[in-house]
Amino acid sequence: MASQEAQFIERAERLAGPRGVMGFQRAADRMPMAPQNRYVVPEFEEKTPYGYKRQNPYTRLFDDRIIWLGVQVDDTSADDIMAQLLVLESLDPNRDVMMYINSPGGSMTAMTAIYDTMQYIQPDVQTVCLGQAASAAAILLAAGTKGKRLILPNARVLI
């Protein structure tokens, strides 16, 4: 006798027809979905002493110790930024980290988590505003190390 999950999936497949329904597949069988409203991020190859390395702009920025905050500050983006800050500290605690900000702001609790991480790690955090830093993002801009906070000429900071 098949398990209840298998029976449920079999019944759902019969009802869904030949194309199937993503919601009824086991999680292990599902492919991750790409963002729907986003352009394709280009990839490029870089020659290294060990051969060729395929990268996208975000991994290249990370290799140069640059964190890009270009979205709303929420729990997901905060988790990503905090992880990057902690990893960069573990790789070299004596080299500065740069954070480029172009964000409409967002959640105050997510912002305080990023703020606390910026203050917790040993490296200085340079902050640069490109475009805008509003609300929670403005506080993160101000949280950069004193003397290492920049705003580009046409950028806006909204509090």
N, C-alpha and C. Protein backbone atom coordinates (compact mmCIF):
# COMPACT_ATOMS: atom_id res chain seq x y z
N MET A 1 0.84 -1.18 0.00
CA MET A 1 0.00 0.00 0.00
C MET A 1 0.89 1.25 0.00
N ALA A 2 0.60 2.18 -0.89
CA ALA A 2 1.39 3.40 -1.01
C ALA A 2 1.10 4.34 0.15
N SER A 3 2.07 5.18 0.43
CA SER A 3 1.90 6.13 1.53
C SER A 3 0.82 7.16 1.18
N GLN A 4 0.35 7.86 2.19
CA GLN A 4 -0.69 8.87 1.96
C GLN A 4 -0.17 9.99 1.06
N GLU A 5 1.09 10.35 1.23
CA GLU A 5 1.66 11.41 0.39
C GLU A 5 1.67 10.98 -1.07
N ALA A 6 2.09 9.74 -1.34
CA ALA A 6 2.14 9.25 -2.71
C ALA A 6 0.74 9.19 -3.31
N GLN A 7 -0.24 8.76 -2.53
CA GLN A 7 -1.62 8.73 -3.02
C GLN A 7 -2.12 10.13 -3.35
N PHE A 8 -1.79 11.08 -2.49
CA PHE A 8 -2.22 12.45 -2.70
C PHE A 8 -1.60 13.01 -3.98
N ILE A 9 -0.30 12.76 -4.17
CA ILE A 9 0.38 13.26 -5.37
C ILE A 9 -0.19 12.60 -6.62
N GLU A 10 -0.45 11.31 -6.56
CA GLU A 10 -1.02 10.59 -7.70
C GLU A 10 -2.38 11.18 -8.08
N ARG A 11 -3.21 11.42 -7.07
CA ARG A 11 -4.54 11.99 -7.31
C ARG A 11 -4.42 13.40 -7.89
N ALA A 12 -3.49 14.19 -7.37
CA ALA A 12 -3.30 15.56 -7.85
C ALA A 12 -2.81 15.56 -9.29
N GLU A 13 -1.92 14.63 -9.64
CA GLU A 13 -1.42 14.55 -11.01
C GLU A 13 -2.53 14.20 -11.99
N ARG A 14 -3.43 13.30 -11.57
CA ARG A 14 -4.57 12.95 -12.42
C ARG A 14 -5.45 14.17 -12.66
N LEU A 15 -5.69 14.95 -11.62
CA LEU A 15 -6.55 16.12 -11.73
C LEU A 15 -5.88 17.25 -12.52
N ALA A 16 -4.59 17.38 -12.39
CA ALA A 16 -3.88 18.49 -13.02
C ALA A 16 -3.66 18.28 -14.51
N GLY A 17 -3.64 17.07 -14.97
CA GLY A 17 -3.41 16.80 -16.37
C GLY A 17 -1.93 16.67 -16.69
N PRO A 18 -1.57 16.72 -17.98
CA PRO A 18 -0.20 16.45 -18.39
C PRO A 18 0.82 17.50 -17.94
N ARG A 19 0.40 18.74 -17.74
CA ARG A 19 1.36 19.79 -17.34
C ARG A 19 1.69 19.73 -15.87
N GLY A 20 0.83 19.19 -15.06
CA GLY A 20 1.10 19.09 -13.63
C GLY A 20 0.85 20.40 -12.90
N VAL A 21 0.98 20.35 -11.60
CA VAL A 21 0.80 21.52 -10.75
C VAL A 21 2.00 21.57 -9.81
N MET A 22 2.71 22.70 -9.81
CA MET A 22 3.91 22.82 -8.97
C MET A 22 3.61 22.61 -7.50
N GLY A 23 2.48 23.04 -7.03
CA GLY A 23 2.16 22.97 -5.61
C GLY A 23 2.03 21.55 -5.08
N PHE A 24 1.85 20.58 -5.96
CA PHE A 24 1.65 19.21 -5.51
C PHE A 24 2.91 18.36 -5.65
N GLN A 25 4.01 18.93 -6.05
CA GLN A 25 5.24 18.17 -6.15
C GLN A 25 5.96 18.18 -4.82
N ARG A 26 6.73 17.13 -4.59
CA ARG A 26 7.56 17.12 -3.39
C ARG A 26 8.59 18.24 -3.50
N ALA A 27 8.96 18.80 -2.38
CA ALA A 27 9.90 19.92 -2.38
C ALA A 27 11.22 19.54 -3.05
N ALA A 28 11.67 18.31 -2.87
CA ALA A 28 12.95 17.88 -3.44
C ALA A 28 12.89 17.83 -4.97
N ASP A 29 11.68 17.69 -5.55
CA ASP A 29 11.53 17.58 -7.00
C ASP A 29 11.38 18.94 -7.68
N ARG A 30 11.14 20.00 -6.92
CA ARG A 30 10.90 21.32 -7.49
C ARG A 30 12.21 22.02 -7.82
N MET A 31 12.22 22.72 -8.92
CA MET A 31 13.36 23.56 -9.29
C MET A 31 13.13 24.94 -8.68
N PRO A 32 14.19 25.60 -8.22
CA PRO A 32 13.99 26.95 -7.68
C PRO A 32 13.52 27.89 -8.78
N MET A 33 12.61 28.77 -8.42
CA MET A 33 12.05 29.71 -9.39
C MET A 33 12.94 30.96 -9.45
N ALA A 34 13.18 31.44 -10.66
CA ALA A 34 13.94 32.68 -10.84
C ALA A 34 13.02 33.86 -10.57
N PRO A 35 13.57 34.99 -10.15
CA PRO A 35 12.74 36.17 -9.96
C PRO A 35 12.00 36.51 -11.25
N GLN A 36 10.73 36.84 -11.16
CA GLN A 36 9.92 37.06 -12.34
C GLN A 36 10.08 38.46 -12.93
N ASN A 37 10.28 39.47 -12.11
CA ASN A 37 10.33 40.85 -12.59
C ASN A 37 11.75 41.39 -12.58
N ARG A 38 12.68 40.62 -13.07
CA ARG A 38 14.07 41.04 -13.01
C ARG A 38 14.75 40.73 -14.34
N TYR A 39 15.62 41.63 -14.75
CA TYR A 39 16.39 41.36 -15.95
C TYR A 39 17.40 40.26 -15.66
N VAL A 40 17.98 39.71 -16.70
CA VAL A 40 18.95 38.64 -16.54
C VAL A 40 20.28 39.24 -16.09
N VAL A 41 20.82 38.72 -15.00
CA VAL A 41 22.11 39.19 -14.50
C VAL A 41 23.20 38.55 -15.36
N PRO A 42 24.05 39.37 -15.97
CA PRO A 42 25.08 38.79 -16.84
C PRO A 42 26.13 38.02 -16.05
N GLU A 43 26.67 37.02 -16.69
CA GLU A 43 27.79 36.27 -16.13
C GLU A 43 28.99 36.47 -17.04
N PHE A 44 30.16 36.40 -16.47
CA PHE A 44 31.36 36.55 -17.27
C PHE A 44 32.42 35.62 -16.73
N GLU A 45 33.41 35.34 -17.56
CA GLU A 45 34.52 34.49 -17.13
C GLU A 45 35.74 35.36 -16.91
N GLU A 46 36.45 35.02 -15.85
CA GLU A 46 37.66 35.76 -15.51
C GLU A 46 38.80 34.76 -15.45
N LYS A 47 39.91 35.11 -16.07
CA LYS A 47 41.06 34.22 -16.05
C LYS A 47 41.79 34.37 -14.72
N THR A 48 42.05 33.25 -14.08
CA THR A 48 42.78 33.23 -12.81
C THR A 48 44.00 32.33 -12.98
N PRO A 49 44.91 32.32 -12.03
CA PRO A 49 46.06 31.42 -12.13
C PRO A 49 45.65 29.94 -12.16
N TYR A 50 44.44 29.66 -11.71
CA TYR A 50 43.97 28.27 -11.65
C TYR A 50 43.05 27.91 -12.80
N GLY A 51 42.88 28.79 -13.76
CA GLY A 51 41.98 28.54 -14.87
C GLY A 51 40.98 29.67 -14.99
N TYR A 52 39.79 29.34 -15.46
CA TYR A 52 38.75 30.34 -15.63
C TYR A 52 37.72 30.23 -14.51
N LYS A 53 37.24 31.37 -14.07
CA LYS A 53 36.26 31.42 -13.00
C LYS A 53 35.03 32.16 -13.52
N ARG A 54 33.87 31.51 -13.46
CA ARG A 54 32.63 32.13 -13.91
C ARG A 54 32.03 32.91 -12.75
N GLN A 55 31.69 34.17 -13.02
CA GLN A 55 31.15 35.04 -11.98
C GLN A 55 29.99 35.86 -12.50
N ASN A 56 29.22 36.42 -11.56
CA ASN A 56 28.26 37.46 -11.90
C ASN A 56 28.69 38.72 -11.16
N PRO A 57 28.10 39.86 -11.43
CA PRO A 57 28.55 41.10 -10.78
C PRO A 57 28.52 41.04 -9.25
N TYR A 58 27.56 40.34 -8.68
CA TYR A 58 27.43 40.31 -7.22
C TYR A 58 28.56 39.50 -6.56
N THR A 59 28.96 38.40 -7.17
CA THR A 59 30.08 37.65 -6.60
C THR A 59 31.38 38.42 -6.77
N ARG A 60 31.50 39.15 -7.87
CA ARG A 60 32.70 39.97 -8.08
C ARG A 60 32.79 41.08 -7.03
N LEU A 61 31.66 41.72 -6.75
CA LEU A 61 31.65 42.75 -5.71
C LEU A 61 32.04 42.15 -4.36
N PHE A 62 31.48 40.97 -4.05
CA PHE A 62 31.79 40.32 -2.78
C PHE A 62 33.29 40.00 -2.69
N ASP A 63 33.88 39.53 -3.79
CA ASP A 63 35.32 39.25 -3.80
C ASP A 63 36.13 40.50 -3.49
N ASP A 64 35.60 41.67 -3.87
CA ASP A 64 36.27 42.94 -3.60
C ASP A 64 35.82 43.56 -2.27
N ARG A 65 35.13 42.78 -1.45
CA ARG A 65 34.66 43.19 -0.11
C ARG A 65 33.63 44.30 -0.17
N ILE A 66 32.77 44.24 -1.19
CA ILE A 66 31.70 45.22 -1.36
C ILE A 66 30.37 44.51 -1.19
N ILE A 67 29.52 45.07 -0.34
CA ILE A 67 28.16 44.56 -0.14
C ILE A 67 27.22 45.54 -0.82
N TRP A 68 26.30 45.01 -1.63
CA TRP A 68 25.36 45.84 -2.37
C TRP A 68 23.98 45.72 -1.74
N LEU A 69 23.45 46.83 -1.23
CA LEU A 69 22.08 46.87 -0.72
C LEU A 69 21.27 47.67 -1.73
N GLY A 70 20.60 46.97 -2.62
CA GLY A 70 19.83 47.62 -3.68
C GLY A 70 18.37 47.25 -3.64
N VAL A 71 17.91 46.77 -2.51
CA VAL A 71 16.51 46.37 -2.35
C VAL A 71 15.97 46.94 -1.05
N GLN A 72 14.69 46.71 -0.84
CA GLN A 72 14.06 47.10 0.41
C GLN A 72 14.70 46.34 1.57
N VAL A 73 14.82 46.98 2.71
CA VAL A 73 15.38 46.33 3.89
C VAL A 73 14.26 45.50 4.53
N ASP A 74 14.39 44.18 4.42
CA ASP A 74 13.43 43.27 5.05
C ASP A 74 14.22 42.12 5.67
N ASP A 75 13.51 41.16 6.24
CA ASP A 75 14.20 40.07 6.93
C ASP A 75 15.12 39.29 6.00
N THR A 76 14.70 39.07 4.77
CA THR A 76 15.51 38.30 3.83
C THR A 76 16.78 39.05 3.45
N SER A 77 16.63 40.32 3.07
CA SER A 77 17.83 41.09 2.70
C SER A 77 18.74 41.29 3.91
N ALA A 78 18.15 41.44 5.10
CA ALA A 78 18.97 41.60 6.31
C ALA A 78 19.79 40.34 6.57
N ASP A 79 19.17 39.17 6.41
CA ASP A 79 19.91 37.92 6.60
C ASP A 79 21.08 37.82 5.64
N ASP A 80 20.84 38.19 4.38
CA ASP A 80 21.91 38.14 3.37
C ASP A 80 23.05 39.09 3.72
N ILE A 81 22.71 40.30 4.10
CA ILE A 81 23.74 41.30 4.40
C ILE A 81 24.52 40.92 5.65
N MET A 82 23.82 40.46 6.69
CA MET A 82 24.52 40.06 7.92
C MET A 82 25.46 38.90 7.65
N ALA A 83 25.02 37.93 6.84
CA ALA A 83 25.89 36.80 6.50
C ALA A 83 27.14 37.28 5.77
N GLN A 84 26.96 38.20 4.82
CA GLN A 84 28.12 38.72 4.08
C GLN A 84 29.08 39.46 5.01
N LEU A 85 28.54 40.27 5.91
CA LEU A 85 29.40 40.99 6.86
C LEU A 85 30.22 40.02 7.71
N LEU A 86 29.57 38.98 8.21
CA LEU A 86 30.26 38.02 9.07
C LEU A 86 31.31 37.22 8.31
N VAL A 87 30.99 36.84 7.07
CA VAL A 87 31.95 36.08 6.26
C VAL A 87 33.15 36.96 5.93
N LEU A 88 32.91 38.20 5.52
CA LEU A 88 34.02 39.09 5.19
C LEU A 88 34.91 39.34 6.40
N GLU A 89 34.31 39.43 7.59
CA GLU A 89 35.12 39.58 8.80
C GLU A 89 35.98 38.34 9.02
N SER A 90 35.41 37.17 8.81
CA SER A 90 36.18 35.94 9.05
C SER A 90 37.31 35.77 8.03
N LEU A 91 37.12 36.28 6.81
CA LEU A 91 38.17 36.18 5.79
C LEU A 91 39.36 37.08 6.10
N ASP A 92 39.09 38.30 6.55
CA ASP A 92 40.16 39.23 6.90
C ASP A 92 39.60 40.32 7.81
N PRO A 93 39.79 40.17 9.12
CA PRO A 93 39.21 41.13 10.06
C PRO A 93 39.89 42.51 10.05
N ASN A 94 40.98 42.66 9.32
CA ASN A 94 41.70 43.93 9.32
C ASN A 94 41.44 44.78 8.08
N ARG A 95 40.71 44.26 7.10
CA ARG A 95 40.40 45.02 5.88
C ARG A 95 38.99 45.57 5.94
N ASP A 96 38.83 46.81 5.48
CA ASP A 96 37.52 47.45 5.48
C ASP A 96 36.53 46.70 4.60
N VAL A 97 35.26 46.86 4.94
CA VAL A 97 34.15 46.37 4.13
C VAL A 97 33.43 47.60 3.59
N MET A 98 33.04 47.57 2.32
CA MET A 98 32.27 48.68 1.75
C MET A 98 30.84 48.24 1.55
N MET A 99 29.90 49.11 1.87
CA MET A 99 28.48 48.83 1.63
C MET A 99 27.92 49.95 0.74
N TYR A 100 27.49 49.57 -0.46
CA TYR A 100 26.86 50.52 -1.37
C TYR A 100 25.36 50.43 -1.15
N ILE A 101 24.70 51.57 -1.02
CA ILE A 101 23.28 51.59 -0.66
C ILE A 101 22.49 52.36 -1.71
N ASN A 102 21.45 51.73 -2.22
CA ASN A 102 20.43 52.36 -3.07
C ASN A 102 19.13 51.67 -2.69
N SER A 103 18.49 52.15 -1.64
CA SER A 103 17.36 51.43 -1.06
C SER A 103 16.26 52.39 -0.61
N PRO A 104 15.00 51.98 -0.77
CA PRO A 104 13.89 52.80 -0.28
C PRO A 104 13.65 52.64 1.22
N GLY A 105 14.48 51.87 1.89
CA GLY A 105 14.28 51.65 3.33
C GLY A 105 13.49 50.38 3.58
N GLY A 106 12.80 50.34 4.71
CA GLY A 106 12.00 49.16 5.01
C GLY A 106 11.85 48.92 6.49
N SER A 107 11.95 47.68 6.88
CA SER A 107 11.68 47.22 8.23
C SER A 107 12.72 47.74 9.23
N MET A 108 12.22 48.30 10.33
CA MET A 108 13.13 48.79 11.37
C MET A 108 13.80 47.64 12.11
N THR A 109 13.09 46.53 12.32
CA THR A 109 13.72 45.41 13.03
C THR A 109 14.81 44.78 12.18
N ALA A 110 14.59 44.67 10.87
CA ALA A 110 15.63 44.14 9.99
C ALA A 110 16.82 45.10 9.95
N MET A 111 16.53 46.41 9.93
CA MET A 111 17.59 47.41 9.92
C MET A 111 18.43 47.32 11.19
N THR A 112 17.78 47.16 12.35
CA THR A 112 18.56 47.10 13.59
C THR A 112 19.45 45.87 13.64
N ALA A 113 19.00 44.78 13.02
CA ALA A 113 19.84 43.58 12.97
C ALA A 113 21.10 43.84 12.14
N ILE A 114 20.94 44.52 11.00
CA ILE A 114 22.10 44.86 10.18
C ILE A 114 22.99 45.86 10.93
N TYR A 115 22.37 46.87 11.52
CA TYR A 115 23.12 47.89 12.28
C TYR A 115 23.97 47.24 13.37
N ASP A 116 23.36 46.35 14.15
CA ASP A 116 24.10 45.68 15.23
C ASP A 116 25.26 44.87 14.68
N THR A 117 25.06 44.21 13.54
CA THR A 117 26.13 43.42 12.94
C THR A 117 27.26 44.33 12.46
N MET A 118 26.91 45.47 11.88
CA MET A 118 27.94 46.43 11.43
C MET A 118 28.78 46.91 12.61
N GLN A 119 28.15 47.13 13.75
CA GLN A 119 28.87 47.60 14.93
C GLN A 119 29.65 46.47 15.60
N TYR A 120 29.18 45.24 15.43
CA TYR A 120 29.78 44.07 16.09
C TYR A 120 31.08 43.63 15.43
N ILE A 121 31.14 43.66 14.11
CA ILE A 121 32.31 43.13 13.42
C ILE A 121 33.51 44.05 13.61
N GLN A 122 34.69 43.48 13.48
CA GLN A 122 35.93 44.23 13.69
C GLN A 122 36.27 45.19 12.55
N PRO A 123 36.11 44.80 11.27
CA PRO A 123 36.50 45.72 10.20
C PRO A 123 35.65 46.99 10.20
N ASP A 124 36.25 48.09 9.75
CA ASP A 124 35.48 49.30 9.53
C ASP A 124 34.53 49.05 8.36
N VAL A 125 33.34 49.65 8.42
CA VAL A 125 32.37 49.54 7.34
C VAL A 125 32.23 50.91 6.70
N GLN A 126 32.67 51.01 5.44
CA GLN A 126 32.50 52.23 4.66
C GLN A 126 31.12 52.17 4.02
N THR A 127 30.36 53.25 4.09
CA THR A 127 29.04 53.26 3.46
C THR A 127 29.01 54.33 2.37
N VAL A 128 28.38 53.98 1.25
CA VAL A 128 28.29 54.88 0.10
C VAL A 128 26.85 54.88 -0.38
N CYS A 129 26.25 56.07 -0.49
CA CYS A 129 24.89 56.18 -1.01
C CYS A 129 24.94 56.49 -2.50
N LEU A 130 24.31 55.63 -3.28
CA LEU A 130 24.14 55.82 -4.72
C LEU A 130 22.64 55.87 -4.96
N GLY A 131 22.12 56.86 -5.57
CA GLY A 131 20.67 56.90 -5.81
C GLY A 131 19.94 57.45 -4.60
N GLN A 132 19.51 56.56 -3.72
CA GLN A 132 18.81 57.02 -2.52
C GLN A 132 19.05 56.09 -1.34
N ALA A 133 18.96 56.67 -0.18
CA ALA A 133 18.96 55.91 1.07
C ALA A 133 17.84 56.52 1.90
N ALA A 134 16.72 55.84 1.96
CA ALA A 134 15.55 56.37 2.66
C ALA A 134 15.25 55.54 3.89
N SER A 135 14.70 56.19 4.90
CA SER A 135 14.19 55.51 6.09
C SER A 135 15.27 54.64 6.73
N ALA A 136 15.03 53.34 6.80
CA ALA A 136 15.98 52.42 7.44
C ALA A 136 17.33 52.42 6.72
N ALA A 137 17.32 52.60 5.41
CA ALA A 137 18.58 52.62 4.65
C ALA A 137 19.41 53.85 5.01
N ALA A 138 18.76 54.97 5.33
CA ALA A 138 19.49 56.17 5.75
C ALA A 138 20.21 55.94 7.07
N ILE A 139 19.59 55.19 7.95
CA ILE A 139 20.23 54.88 9.23
C ILE A 139 21.44 53.98 9.00
N LEU A 140 21.32 53.02 8.08
CA LEU A 140 22.46 52.16 7.77
C LEU A 140 23.59 52.97 7.14
N LEU A 141 23.25 53.95 6.31
CA LEU A 141 24.27 54.83 5.74
C LEU A 141 25.01 55.56 6.85
N ALA A 142 24.27 56.07 7.82
CA ALA A 142 24.88 56.80 8.94
C ALA A 142 25.64 55.87 9.89
N ALA A 143 25.36 54.57 9.82
CA ALA A 143 26.02 53.61 10.72
C ALA A 143 27.43 53.27 10.27
N GLY A 144 27.83 53.74 9.10
CA GLY A 144 29.19 53.50 8.64
C GLY A 144 30.20 54.13 9.59
N THR A 145 31.42 53.67 9.51
CA THR A 145 32.49 54.19 10.36
C THR A 145 32.67 55.69 10.12
N LYS A 146 32.83 56.44 11.20
CA LYS A 146 33.01 57.89 11.11
C LYS A 146 34.18 58.21 10.19
N GLY A 147 33.95 59.14 9.27
CA GLY A 147 34.98 59.51 8.30
C GLY A 147 34.98 58.63 7.06
N LYS A 148 34.14 57.60 7.04
CA LYS A 148 34.10 56.67 5.90
C LYS A 148 32.67 56.54 5.37
N ARG A 149 31.90 57.63 5.47
CA ARG A 149 30.53 57.68 4.96
C ARG A 149 30.51 58.63 3.77
N LEU A 150 29.98 58.18 2.64
CA LEU A 150 29.96 59.00 1.44
C LEU A 150 28.57 59.06 0.84
N ILE A 151 28.25 60.20 0.23
CA ILE A 151 27.01 60.35 -0.53
C ILE A 151 27.43 60.94 -1.88
N LEU A 152 27.07 60.27 -2.96
CA LEU A 152 27.43 60.77 -4.28
C LEU A 152 26.63 62.04 -4.58
N PRO A 153 27.13 62.89 -5.48
CA PRO A 153 26.54 64.22 -5.68
C PRO A 153 25.04 64.24 -5.99
N ASN A 154 24.54 63.28 -6.73
CA ASN A 154 23.12 63.29 -7.10
C ASN A 154 22.27 62.33 -6.28
N ALA A 155 22.83 61.79 -5.22
CA ALA A 155 22.08 60.86 -4.37
C ALA A 155 21.22 61.63 -3.38
N ARG A 156 20.20 60.95 -2.86
CA ARG A 156 19.30 61.54 -1.87
C ARG A 156 19.29 60.71 -0.61
N VAL A 157 19.22 61.41 0.50
CA VAL A 157 19.05 60.74 1.79
C VAL A 157 17.76 61.28 2.39
N LEU A 158 16.83 60.38 2.66
CA LEU A 158 15.53 60.76 3.21
C LEU A 158 15.35 60.10 4.56
N ILE A 159 15.01 60.89 5.55
CA ILE A 159 14.81 60.33 6.89
C ILE A 159 13.34 60.40 7.24
